[in-house]
Protein backbone atom coordinates (compact mmCIF):
# COMPACT_ATOMS: atom_id res chain seq x y z
CA MET A 1 20.80 -9.45 28.33
CA GLY A 2 23.45 -7.83 30.65
CA ALA A 3 23.45 -11.59 32.37
CA LEU A 4 24.97 -12.89 29.20
CA PRO A 5 28.80 -12.17 28.05
CA ALA A 6 28.16 -9.71 24.90
CA GLU A 7 31.17 -12.11 23.25
CA VAL A 8 29.61 -15.12 24.07
CA TRP A 9 26.35 -13.65 22.59
CA ASP A 10 27.82 -12.18 19.64
CA ALA A 11 29.80 -15.17 18.54
CA LEU A 12 25.94 -16.83 17.59
CA ALA A 13 25.18 -13.88 15.84
CA ASP A 14 28.56 -14.00 13.81
CA ALA A 15 27.86 -17.99 12.99
CA THR A 16 24.19 -16.99 12.21
CA PRO A 17 23.60 -16.63 8.70
CA GLY A 18 21.45 -13.78 8.11
CA ALA A 19 21.45 -11.69 11.78
CA THR A 20 21.33 -8.16 11.38
CA PRO A 21 23.26 -5.41 14.23
CA PHE A 22 20.23 -5.45 15.61
CA GLN A 23 20.54 -8.83 16.80
CA ARG A 24 24.41 -7.62 18.54
CA HIS A 25 24.45 -7.73 22.38
CA ALA A 26 25.16 -4.05 22.16
CA TRP A 27 21.86 -3.06 20.86
CA LEU A 28 19.61 -5.53 23.10
CA SER A 29 21.05 -4.61 25.90
CA ALA A 30 21.01 -1.26 24.97
CA LEU A 31 17.18 -1.09 24.80
CA GLU A 32 16.86 -2.70 28.44
CA ARG A 33 19.96 -0.26 29.90
CA THR A 34 18.05 2.94 28.88
CA GLY A 35 14.60 1.61 29.84
CA CYS A 36 13.45 1.52 25.95
CA VAL A 37 11.84 -1.73 27.11
CA GLY A 38 11.20 -3.57 30.27
CA VAL A 39 7.64 -3.74 31.92
CA GLU A 40 6.63 -0.34 32.00
CA SER A 41 6.95 0.18 28.26
CA GLY A 42 5.12 -3.02 27.61
CA TRP A 43 8.11 -4.94 26.16
CA GLN A 44 9.41 -7.62 29.00
CA PRO A 45 12.25 -9.09 27.87
CA VAL A 46 12.85 -13.13 28.00
CA VAL A 47 15.88 -14.36 27.03
CA VAL A 48 15.63 -18.30 25.82
CA THR A 49 18.97 -19.97 25.52
CA LEU A 50 19.77 -23.65 24.31
CA ARG A 51 22.97 -25.67 26.20
CA ASP A 52 24.17 -28.59 25.11
CA HIS A 53 24.87 -31.23 27.28
CA THR A 54 28.74 -29.65 28.40
CA GLN A 55 26.77 -26.96 29.07
CA GLN A 56 27.89 -24.40 26.01
CA LEU A 57 25.53 -22.28 24.65
CA ALA A 58 24.14 -23.28 21.59
CA ALA A 59 21.31 -20.95 20.36
CA ALA A 60 19.70 -18.25 22.16
CA CYS A 61 16.93 -15.60 21.25
CA VAL A 62 15.31 -12.74 23.05
CA LEU A 63 11.47 -12.72 23.34
CA TYR A 64 9.22 -10.49 24.89
CA VAL A 65 5.63 -10.17 26.50
CA LYS A 66 3.83 -7.60 24.96
CA SER A 67 0.62 -5.66 26.54
CA HIS A 68 -0.21 -4.02 23.50
CA SER A 69 0.83 -3.58 19.67
CA TYR A 70 3.13 -0.55 19.47
CA GLY A 71 6.38 -0.80 17.76
CA GLU A 72 5.59 -3.94 15.83
CA TYR A 73 4.71 -3.37 12.00
CA VAL A 74 3.04 -6.18 11.30
CA PHE A 75 -0.45 -5.14 12.70
CA ASP A 76 -3.05 -7.28 14.74
CA TRP A 77 -5.50 -4.90 16.01
CA ALA A 78 -7.90 -6.37 14.43
CA TRP A 79 -7.21 -9.38 16.16
CA ALA A 80 -7.25 -8.11 19.56
CA ARG A 81 -10.50 -6.18 19.12
CA ALA A 82 -11.85 -9.73 18.24
CA TYR A 83 -10.69 -11.07 21.31
CA ALA A 84 -11.92 -8.12 23.25
CA GLU A 85 -15.86 -8.41 21.47
CA HIS A 86 -15.67 -11.52 22.77
CA GLY A 87 -14.55 -11.33 26.66
CA LEU A 88 -11.37 -12.54 25.68
CA PRO A 89 -7.82 -11.57 26.21
CA TYR A 90 -5.62 -11.02 23.96
CA TYR A 91 -3.07 -9.66 25.93
CA PRO A 92 -0.53 -10.66 27.47
CA LYS A 93 1.06 -12.37 24.06
CA LEU A 94 4.28 -13.56 23.25
CA LEU A 95 6.98 -12.15 20.41
CA LEU A 96 10.00 -12.81 18.74
CA ALA A 97 10.92 -9.39 16.67
CA VAL A 98 13.62 -6.19 16.77
CA PRO A 99 11.53 -3.61 19.03
CA PHE A 100 10.89 -0.62 16.78
CA THR A 101 12.15 -1.67 13.97
CA PRO A 102 10.53 -3.72 11.23
CA VAL A 103 13.88 -5.13 9.59
CA GLY A 104 14.14 -9.28 8.42
CA GLY A 105 16.54 -11.06 9.00
CA ALA A 106 17.81 -14.30 11.86
CA LYS A 107 15.77 -13.62 14.88
CA LEU A 108 17.27 -17.05 16.39
CA LEU A 109 20.53 -17.18 16.76
CA GLY A 110 22.54 -20.18 17.01
CA ARG A 111 25.76 -22.32 15.98
CA ASP A 112 24.36 -24.28 13.40
CA ALA A 113 21.14 -24.59 11.88
CA ARG A 114 19.75 -27.74 13.89
CA ALA A 115 20.27 -25.67 16.92
CA ARG A 116 18.18 -22.70 15.74
CA LYS A 117 15.32 -25.29 14.75
CA VAL A 118 15.30 -27.14 18.18
CA LEU A 119 15.29 -23.56 19.92
CA LEU A 120 12.24 -22.63 17.99
CA GLN A 121 10.25 -25.69 18.96
CA GLU A 122 11.15 -25.20 22.82
CA VAL A 123 10.18 -21.25 22.20
CA LEU A 124 6.49 -22.74 20.99
CA ALA A 125 6.81 -25.21 23.36
CA LEU A 126 7.52 -22.07 26.23
CA ALA A 127 4.10 -20.27 24.74
CA ARG A 128 1.99 -23.26 25.28
CA ARG A 129 3.02 -23.15 28.23
CA SER A 130 2.83 -20.33 29.17
CA GLY A 131 -0.66 -19.42 29.45
CA LEU A 132 -0.64 -16.57 26.92
CA SER A 133 -3.34 -15.95 23.78
CA SER A 134 -0.83 -16.23 21.48
CA PHE A 135 3.14 -16.45 20.30
CA HIS A 136 4.27 -14.18 16.91
CA ALA A 137 7.79 -14.21 15.23
CA LEU A 138 8.24 -11.10 12.74
CA PHE A 139 10.20 -10.37 9.65
CA LEU A 140 11.83 -14.25 9.65
CA ASP A 141 14.22 -14.66 7.05
CA PRO A 142 13.46 -17.17 5.12
CA GLN A 143 14.67 -20.41 6.84
CA GLU A 144 12.89 -19.23 10.15
CA ALA A 145 9.94 -18.97 7.69
CA LEU A 146 9.62 -22.29 6.53
CA TRP A 147 10.56 -24.04 10.00
CA SER A 148 7.87 -22.00 11.13
CA ASP A 149 5.60 -23.39 8.22
CA GLU A 150 6.80 -27.18 9.38
CA LEU A 151 5.93 -26.56 13.14
CA GLY A 152 2.45 -25.76 12.19
CA LEU A 153 3.07 -21.46 12.93
CA LEU A 154 0.29 -19.72 10.56
CA GLY A 155 2.50 -17.98 7.90
CA ARG A 156 1.46 -13.83 7.04
CA THR A 157 2.86 -12.12 4.45
CA THR A 158 3.88 -8.19 3.92
CA LEU A 159 5.62 -5.52 2.18
CA GLN A 160 8.54 -3.47 2.31
CA PHE A 161 10.27 -1.61 0.12
CA HIS A 162 14.09 -1.81 -0.81
CA TRP A 163 16.77 -0.64 -3.08
CA ARG A 164 18.99 -2.80 -4.51
CA ASN A 165 22.03 -2.77 -6.98
CA PRO A 166 21.73 -4.10 -9.35
CA PRO A 167 18.28 -3.97 -9.03
CA ALA A 168 17.37 -7.26 -11.17
CA ASP A 169 19.26 -11.07 -11.34
CA GLY A 170 21.12 -10.69 -14.33
CA GLU A 171 21.61 -7.03 -14.50
CA SER A 172 24.89 -4.81 -14.13
CA PRO A 173 24.90 -2.87 -11.09
CA TRP A 174 25.25 0.85 -11.28
CA PRO A 175 28.20 2.43 -10.63
CA ASP A 176 27.35 5.75 -8.96
CA PHE A 177 23.67 7.63 -8.26
CA ALA A 178 23.96 9.39 -12.15
CA ALA A 179 23.93 5.84 -13.53
CA PHE A 180 20.79 5.60 -11.01
CA LEU A 181 19.37 8.16 -12.06
CA ALA A 182 19.71 7.38 -15.61
CA SER A 183 17.93 4.18 -15.26
CA LEU A 184 15.01 5.75 -13.94
CA ARG A 185 11.84 6.11 -16.55
CA HIS A 186 11.98 10.54 -17.45
CA ASP A 187 9.03 10.96 -15.27
CA LYS A 188 10.34 9.47 -11.67
CA ARG A 189 13.79 11.05 -13.16
CA LYS A 190 12.85 14.26 -13.07
CA LYS A 191 10.74 14.21 -10.40
CA ILE A 192 13.45 13.41 -8.04
CA LYS A 193 15.94 15.73 -9.85
CA GLN A 194 13.62 18.42 -8.72
CA GLU A 195 13.14 17.01 -5.62
CA GLN A 196 17.00 17.83 -4.78
CA ARG A 197 16.79 21.04 -6.60
CA GLN A 198 14.23 22.11 -3.94
CA VAL A 199 16.81 21.39 -1.20
CA ARG A 200 19.25 23.17 -2.52
CA ASP A 201 17.48 25.82 -3.60
CA ALA A 202 16.01 26.05 0.17
CA GLY A 203 20.35 26.43 1.17
CA VAL A 204 20.59 23.01 2.75
CA THR A 205 23.72 21.10 2.82
CA PHE A 206 24.78 17.60 3.68
CA ARG A 207 27.77 16.18 6.23
CA THR A 208 27.82 12.46 6.27
CA LEU A 209 29.16 11.47 10.09
CA GLN A 210 30.48 7.49 10.27
CA GLY A 211 31.31 6.21 13.52
CA LEU A 212 33.27 7.99 16.27
CA ASP A 213 33.44 10.74 14.05
CA ILE A 214 29.55 11.04 15.53
CA THR A 215 29.74 13.27 18.63
CA GLU A 216 27.74 12.77 22.11
CA ARG A 217 26.50 17.03 20.44
CA ASP A 218 25.35 15.34 17.13
CA TRP A 219 23.29 12.41 19.05
CA ALA A 220 21.74 15.22 21.08
CA PHE A 221 20.70 17.31 17.87
CA PHE A 222 19.50 13.65 16.29
CA SER A 223 17.65 13.10 19.82
CA ARG A 224 16.15 16.41 19.49
CA CYS A 225 15.21 15.89 15.68
CA TYR A 226 13.91 12.69 16.41
CA GLU A 227 11.58 13.68 19.28
CA THR A 228 10.57 16.92 17.49
CA THR A 229 9.00 14.87 14.42
CA TYR A 230 6.72 12.32 16.69
CA ALA A 231 5.57 15.50 18.15
CA LEU A 232 4.50 16.44 15.13
CA HIS A 233 2.31 13.70 14.49
CA GLY A 234 1.26 13.93 18.61
CA SER A 235 2.71 10.80 19.43
CA SER A 236 5.87 9.59 21.89
CA PRO A 237 8.90 8.28 20.80
CA TYR A 238 10.01 4.59 21.77
CA LEU A 239 13.66 5.51 22.00
CA ASN A 240 14.98 8.21 23.59
CA ALA A 241 18.40 9.90 23.98
CA GLU A 242 20.41 7.95 26.48
CA PHE A 243 19.37 5.03 23.68
CA PHE A 244 20.96 6.91 21.03
CA GLN A 245 24.39 8.20 22.83
CA THR A 246 24.65 4.29 23.87
CA LEU A 247 24.40 3.23 20.58
CA GLY A 248 26.93 5.76 19.14
CA ARG A 249 29.61 4.62 22.28
CA ASP A 250 28.87 0.89 21.86
CA MET A 251 28.07 0.60 18.49
CA PRO A 252 29.81 2.85 16.50
CA GLY A 253 30.88 1.18 13.35
CA HIS A 254 27.04 0.42 12.74
CA CYS A 255 26.38 4.29 12.67
CA LEU A 256 25.87 6.65 10.01
CA LEU A 257 24.32 9.65 10.12
CA PHE A 258 23.31 12.24 7.74
CA VAL A 259 22.81 15.90 8.83
CA ALA A 260 21.21 18.51 6.71
CA GLU A 261 22.25 22.23 7.42
CA ARG A 262 21.29 25.58 6.73
CA GLY A 263 23.43 28.63 7.34
CA GLY A 264 26.04 26.46 8.82
CA GLN A 265 23.21 25.37 11.02
CA PRO A 266 21.85 21.75 11.46
CA ILE A 267 18.48 21.39 10.60
CA ALA A 268 17.73 17.85 10.22
CA ASN A 269 19.79 14.33 10.60
CA SER A 270 18.45 10.58 9.03
CA LEU A 271 20.75 7.58 10.93
CA ILE A 272 21.17 5.00 8.92
CA LEU A 273 22.46 1.01 10.30
CA LEU A 274 25.53 -0.47 9.04
CA ASP A 275 25.77 -4.07 8.11
CA PRO A 276 29.40 -4.52 6.88
CA ARG A 277 29.49 -8.11 6.88
CA ARG A 278 26.56 -8.51 4.30
CA ARG A 279 26.81 -4.83 2.46
CA ILE A 280 23.02 -3.48 3.78
CA ALA A 281 22.39 -0.30 4.87
CA TYR A 282 18.87 0.38 7.24
CA GLY A 283 17.12 3.37 6.79
CA ARG A 284 15.84 3.72 10.52
CA TYR A 285 15.44 7.17 11.91
CA TRP A 286 14.99 10.75 11.40
CA GLY A 287 14.05 14.12 12.51
CA ALA A 288 13.91 17.90 11.55
CA THR A 289 13.77 21.07 13.04
CA ALA A 290 12.93 23.01 10.28
CA PRO A 291 10.22 22.41 7.54
CA VAL A 292 12.25 22.35 3.68
CA PRO A 293 9.95 20.82 0.97
CA ALA A 294 11.28 17.34 -0.09
CA LEU A 295 13.89 17.64 2.50
CA HIS A 296 12.65 13.49 3.64
CA PHE A 297 13.42 12.27 0.46
CA GLU A 298 16.49 13.70 0.24
CA ALA A 299 17.91 12.71 3.79
CA CYS A 300 15.95 9.72 3.94
CA TYR A 301 16.56 8.23 0.36
CA TYR A 302 18.95 10.14 -2.16
CA GLN A 303 21.82 11.01 0.55
CA PRO A 304 21.89 7.33 1.41
CA ILE A 305 21.51 5.61 -1.75
CA ALA A 306 24.39 7.75 -3.39
CA TRP A 307 26.57 6.92 0.01
CA CYS A 308 25.64 3.07 -1.39
CA LEU A 309 26.54 3.25 -4.24
CA ALA A 310 30.16 5.37 -3.29
CA HIS A 311 30.80 2.47 -0.90
CA GLY A 312 30.05 -0.64 -2.30
CA TYR A 313 26.63 -1.29 -0.41
CA THR A 314 24.34 -3.58 -2.63
CA THR A 315 20.62 -3.09 -0.25
CA PHE A 316 19.41 -0.25 1.62
CA GLU A 317 15.86 -1.43 3.18
CA GLY A 318 13.47 1.63 3.52
CA GLY A 319 11.62 0.24 6.22
CA ALA A 320 7.80 -0.99 6.18
CA GLN A 321 4.93 0.63 4.20
CA GLY A 322 5.39 3.38 1.82
CA GLU A 323 4.75 2.69 -2.16
CA HIS A 324 5.41 6.25 -2.70
CA LYS A 325 9.42 5.10 -1.97
CA MET A 326 8.97 2.63 -5.55
CA ALA A 327 8.96 6.09 -7.57
CA ARG A 328 12.72 6.86 -5.80
CA GLY A 329 13.88 3.66 -6.71
CA LEU A 330 12.76 0.99 -3.57
CA GLN A 331 11.05 -2.11 -4.75
CA PRO A 332 8.48 -4.39 -3.43
CA VAL A 333 9.86 -7.38 -1.03
CA ALA A 334 7.77 -9.95 0.59
CA THR A 335 8.47 -10.51 4.21
CA ARG A 336 7.28 -13.08 6.42
CA SER A 337 6.03 -13.50 10.04
CA ALA A 338 4.71 -16.66 12.03
CA HIS A 339 1.58 -16.70 14.18
CA TRP A 340 0.23 -18.80 16.84
CA LEU A 341 -2.99 -18.41 18.91
CA ALA A 342 -3.91 -20.91 22.12
CA HIS A 343 -8.00 -20.40 21.53
CA PRO A 344 -8.56 -23.17 18.52
CA ARG A 345 -11.93 -20.93 17.42
CA PHE A 346 -9.79 -17.91 16.61
CA SER A 347 -6.90 -19.41 15.49
CA GLN A 348 -9.01 -21.27 12.25
CA ALA A 349 -10.57 -17.78 12.10
CA VAL A 350 -7.11 -16.07 11.47
CA GLU A 351 -5.65 -18.99 9.49
CA ASN A 352 -8.89 -18.30 6.99
CA TYR A 353 -8.25 -14.38 6.97
CA LEU A 354 -4.76 -14.56 6.35
CA GLU A 355 -5.43 -17.47 2.99
CA ARG A 356 -7.26 -14.47 1.74
CA GLU A 357 -4.93 -11.91 2.91
CA SER A 358 -2.18 -13.70 0.97
CA ALA A 359 -4.31 -13.56 -2.28
CA ASP A 360 -5.19 -10.44 -2.02
CA LEU A 361 -1.47 -9.04 -1.46
CA ALA A 362 0.01 -11.35 -4.41
CA ALA A 363 -1.76 -9.75 -6.39
CA HIS A 364 -1.10 -6.34 -5.18
CA GLN A 365 2.38 -6.99 -5.41
CA ASP A 366 2.05 -8.43 -9.21
CA GLN A 367 0.43 -5.24 -9.78
CA LEU A 368 3.56 -3.32 -8.07
CA GLN A 369 6.11 -4.87 -10.29
CA GLU A 370 4.34 -3.87 -13.56
CA ARG A 371 4.74 -0.05 -11.82
CA LEU A 372 8.79 -0.21 -11.06
CA PRO A 373 10.45 2.91 -12.13
CA PHE A 374 12.86 1.68 -14.34
CA LYS A 375 12.81 1.86 -18.04
CA GLU A 376 12.66 -1.55 -19.85
CA VAL A 377 15.97 -3.77 -20.49
CA GLN A 378 16.13 -3.84 -24.08
């Protein structure tokens, strides 16, 4: 990323409908400079650019040559295992995605739709020439998913859970958190109030820090919380303290930090990434140094939702998986990925599997829609 001027790259991001903060030059280059991506991490970045006849940049994206499937959130472990059982290498593979971040939105940046579509065609041609086992494009925006279908890639649907205001087309938006709570069924509303009371009774209060108000000391404590939470689950964090410090310095306008305190001392954080242009908040990372019942729900859902309501943000994305999020006002949303496998027989086998998976997922999503936590609109 350092080989391309930030202003040139970000001009493409600004011209691309559906581009997220995770496609900004500062985010992508910070991942490289701090060692979060690279050959050693199994995420080798490959920047692909498309230029016009005047050598002006028309479109661009970042691919990753992957030696594993960690940090992707669209799971293909079974595919890799099937390859291994037949004595075939599945890794390395080629990936179009935001590392460690299951966020939907445009992955192909371009000054217009035509340039973005041509870029996808060139990426697929690159995958075919590369000798790699496969190409995977994750959490695409609807236009990119449509282009992928047209190019014959295998489509896959997964579910995420998002909070939206208003919750459905034609409904009135909630003016505040009290109105949001009032829209929920009694049992769900009671549960949320109970969880918030548990946090208050534990003596926990919250501070909200945004942008340059987040100091190096705040970032250092956030990193400590983040690493502690990973350690409690017996795993290693994908991101490091240097990355978060760099993020705070280079992308302050996109950073929102909720700090939980008890007795005047911080005990937990949750980090939200903001898209001010599209009024979307992305729930991303959290951590705690002390166990408090229901603190995760307050820090990662209720505080961000209340902030979104107070600041006119219409969407809060809660990340991948987690049907428990529905009880807290988030709704199931379909996300799309696209896949190409070089081996024709495995490609056919995966296509057959995805057809069955898609049918099962559609039925499951219908069932989830019947379990939405809101009162029936009269």
